[in-house]
Amino acid sequence: MKANIQITLWIPLVFLALLVVFLFLEFDILQVIIILGVLIIESYFIFGYVKRKDALVIDENNVKATTPFSTKTFVLKDITSISLEDNGTILRGIYQGEKTKLITNIYDVSLTEIKDYLLTHCDHIKEEKA
């Protein structure tokens, strides 16, 4: 199974417009914080756009989840259970005995489909009730 990062263009454009508005105001510490925040958000979307193709790859041995700032690889045999949490925005699982965040909902395939795929293709993974 493969999925791409889903990029919405209006969010970076709104923050860019806010940056332009704040650049016309007086220069103070709030403006510096806003400029840094906008730069972080813009870089998130730029890196997300560059890394969007095949950002989530689930093969017979591994789950490789790429976000704009990081890449995590999980070995399927070390995942014992999974569950959807935080209103279906995070797929958490027991990985190597610890509960960890496996995947977030930034991909063009829903977390429900990913969860169902893992449950049907990996017999050792059980669904944990959240």
Protein backbone atom coordinates (compact mmCIF):
# COMPACT_ATOMS: atom_id res chain seq x y z
CA MET A 1 0.00 0.00 0.00
CA LYS A 2 1.26 3.47 -0.87
CA ALA A 3 -0.06 6.93 -0.07
CA ASN A 4 0.99 10.48 -0.82
CA ILE A 5 1.03 13.47 1.52
CA GLN A 6 -2.10 15.51 1.03
CA ILE A 7 -1.16 19.18 0.63
CA THR A 8 -3.75 21.95 0.93
CA LEU A 9 -2.48 25.12 -0.70
CA TRP A 10 -4.72 27.63 1.08
CA ILE A 11 -3.01 27.25 4.49
CA PRO A 12 0.45 28.49 3.42
CA LEU A 13 -1.15 31.25 1.33
CA VAL A 14 -3.14 32.51 4.33
CA PHE A 15 -0.03 32.55 6.52
CA LEU A 16 1.93 34.31 3.78
CA ALA A 17 -0.80 36.96 3.55
CA LEU A 18 -0.68 37.38 7.35
CA LEU A 19 3.08 37.80 7.15
CA VAL A 20 2.73 40.56 4.56
CA VAL A 21 0.13 42.34 6.74
CA PHE A 22 2.36 42.17 9.82
CA LEU A 23 5.39 43.42 7.90
CA PHE A 24 3.58 46.75 7.38
CA LEU A 25 3.05 47.21 11.13
CA GLU A 26 5.58 48.45 13.66
CA PHE A 27 8.53 46.17 14.25
CA ASP A 28 8.39 44.50 17.68
CA ILE A 29 8.96 41.11 19.32
CA LEU A 30 5.49 39.86 18.34
CA GLN A 31 6.33 40.46 14.71
CA VAL A 32 9.57 38.47 15.05
CA ILE A 33 7.63 35.55 16.56
CA ILE A 34 5.03 35.71 13.79
CA ILE A 35 7.72 35.80 11.09
CA LEU A 36 9.46 32.76 12.59
CA GLY A 37 6.13 30.91 12.87
CA VAL A 38 5.26 31.65 9.25
CA LEU A 39 8.70 30.48 8.12
CA ILE A 40 8.23 27.19 9.99
CA ILE A 41 4.76 26.66 8.51
CA GLU A 42 5.93 27.58 5.00
CA SER A 43 8.92 25.22 5.26
CA TYR A 44 6.57 22.44 6.46
CA PHE A 45 4.50 22.82 3.30
CA ILE A 46 7.52 23.18 1.00
CA PHE A 47 9.17 20.05 2.42
CA GLY A 48 5.80 18.30 2.35
CA TYR A 49 5.41 19.14 -1.31
CA VAL A 50 8.89 17.85 -2.13
CA LYS A 51 8.43 14.63 -0.13
CA ARG A 52 4.74 14.03 -0.98
CA LYS A 53 5.16 11.18 -3.47
CA ASP A 54 4.97 7.72 -1.83
CA ALA A 55 5.26 9.24 1.63
CA LEU A 56 3.57 6.25 3.22
CA VAL A 57 4.71 2.83 2.07
CA ILE A 58 3.50 -0.40 3.66
CA ASP A 59 5.18 -3.51 2.29
CA GLU A 60 5.36 -7.07 3.59
CA ASN A 61 7.97 -6.21 6.27
CA ASN A 62 7.87 -2.49 7.09
CA VAL A 63 5.75 0.60 7.45
CA LYS A 64 7.65 3.68 6.27
CA ALA A 65 5.90 6.94 7.15
CA THR A 66 7.44 10.15 5.85
CA THR A 67 6.31 13.54 7.12
CA PRO A 68 7.70 16.87 5.94
CA PHE A 69 10.23 16.94 8.80
CA SER A 70 10.91 13.27 9.59
CA THR A 71 10.82 9.68 8.40
CA LYS A 72 9.87 6.77 10.63
CA THR A 73 10.19 3.11 9.78
CA PHE A 74 8.37 0.43 11.75
CA VAL A 75 8.91 -3.31 11.40
CA LEU A 76 5.50 -4.95 10.99
CA LYS A 77 6.34 -8.00 13.11
CA ASP A 78 7.05 -5.68 16.09
CA ILE A 79 3.58 -4.08 15.95
CA THR A 80 1.17 -6.07 18.12
CA SER A 81 -1.97 -3.91 18.15
CA ILE A 82 -3.30 -0.71 16.60
CA SER A 83 -6.09 1.76 17.32
CA LEU A 84 -7.46 5.04 16.01
CA GLU A 85 -7.25 7.85 18.55
CA ASP A 86 -7.91 11.59 18.84
CA ASN A 87 -11.13 11.46 16.79
CA GLY A 88 -9.51 9.33 14.09
CA THR A 89 -6.57 11.66 13.42
CA ILE A 90 -3.80 9.42 14.79
CA LEU A 91 -3.12 5.71 14.32
CA ARG A 92 -1.38 4.50 17.46
CA GLY A 93 -0.01 1.06 18.10
CA ILE A 94 1.97 -1.08 20.47
CA TYR A 95 5.41 -1.16 18.84
CA GLN A 96 8.17 -3.14 20.58
CA GLY A 97 6.14 -3.12 23.80
CA GLU A 98 5.53 0.65 23.87
CA LYS A 99 2.48 2.58 22.77
CA THR A 100 3.59 4.95 20.02
CA LYS A 101 2.15 7.17 17.31
CA LEU A 102 2.51 5.29 14.05
CA ILE A 103 0.74 7.44 11.45
CA THR A 104 -1.11 10.77 11.38
CA ASN A 105 -3.81 11.79 8.92
CA ILE A 106 -1.72 13.83 6.46
CA TYR A 107 -1.97 11.22 3.69
CA ASP A 108 -4.47 10.87 0.86
CA VAL A 109 -5.57 7.47 2.16
CA SER A 110 -7.75 7.55 5.26
CA LEU A 111 -6.47 6.13 8.53
CA THR A 112 -9.44 3.78 8.61
CA GLU A 113 -8.34 2.25 5.31
CA ILE A 114 -4.74 1.96 6.56
CA LYS A 115 -5.93 0.32 9.80
CA ASP A 116 -8.14 -2.13 7.90
CA TYR A 117 -5.27 -2.93 5.52
CA LEU A 118 -2.93 -3.71 8.42
CA LEU A 119 -5.55 -5.81 10.20
CA THR A 120 -6.34 -7.88 7.12
CA HIS A 121 -2.76 -8.36 5.86
CA CYS A 122 -1.01 -8.95 9.18
CA ASP A 123 -2.52 -11.76 11.24
CA HIS A 124 -0.51 -10.91 14.37
CA ILE A 125 -1.82 -7.32 14.58
CA LYS A 126 -4.98 -6.96 16.66
CA GLU A 127 -7.29 -4.00 16.98
CA GLU A 128 -7.05 -2.29 20.34
CA LYS A 129 -10.16 -0.54 21.59
CA ALA A 130 -9.40 3.12 22.27
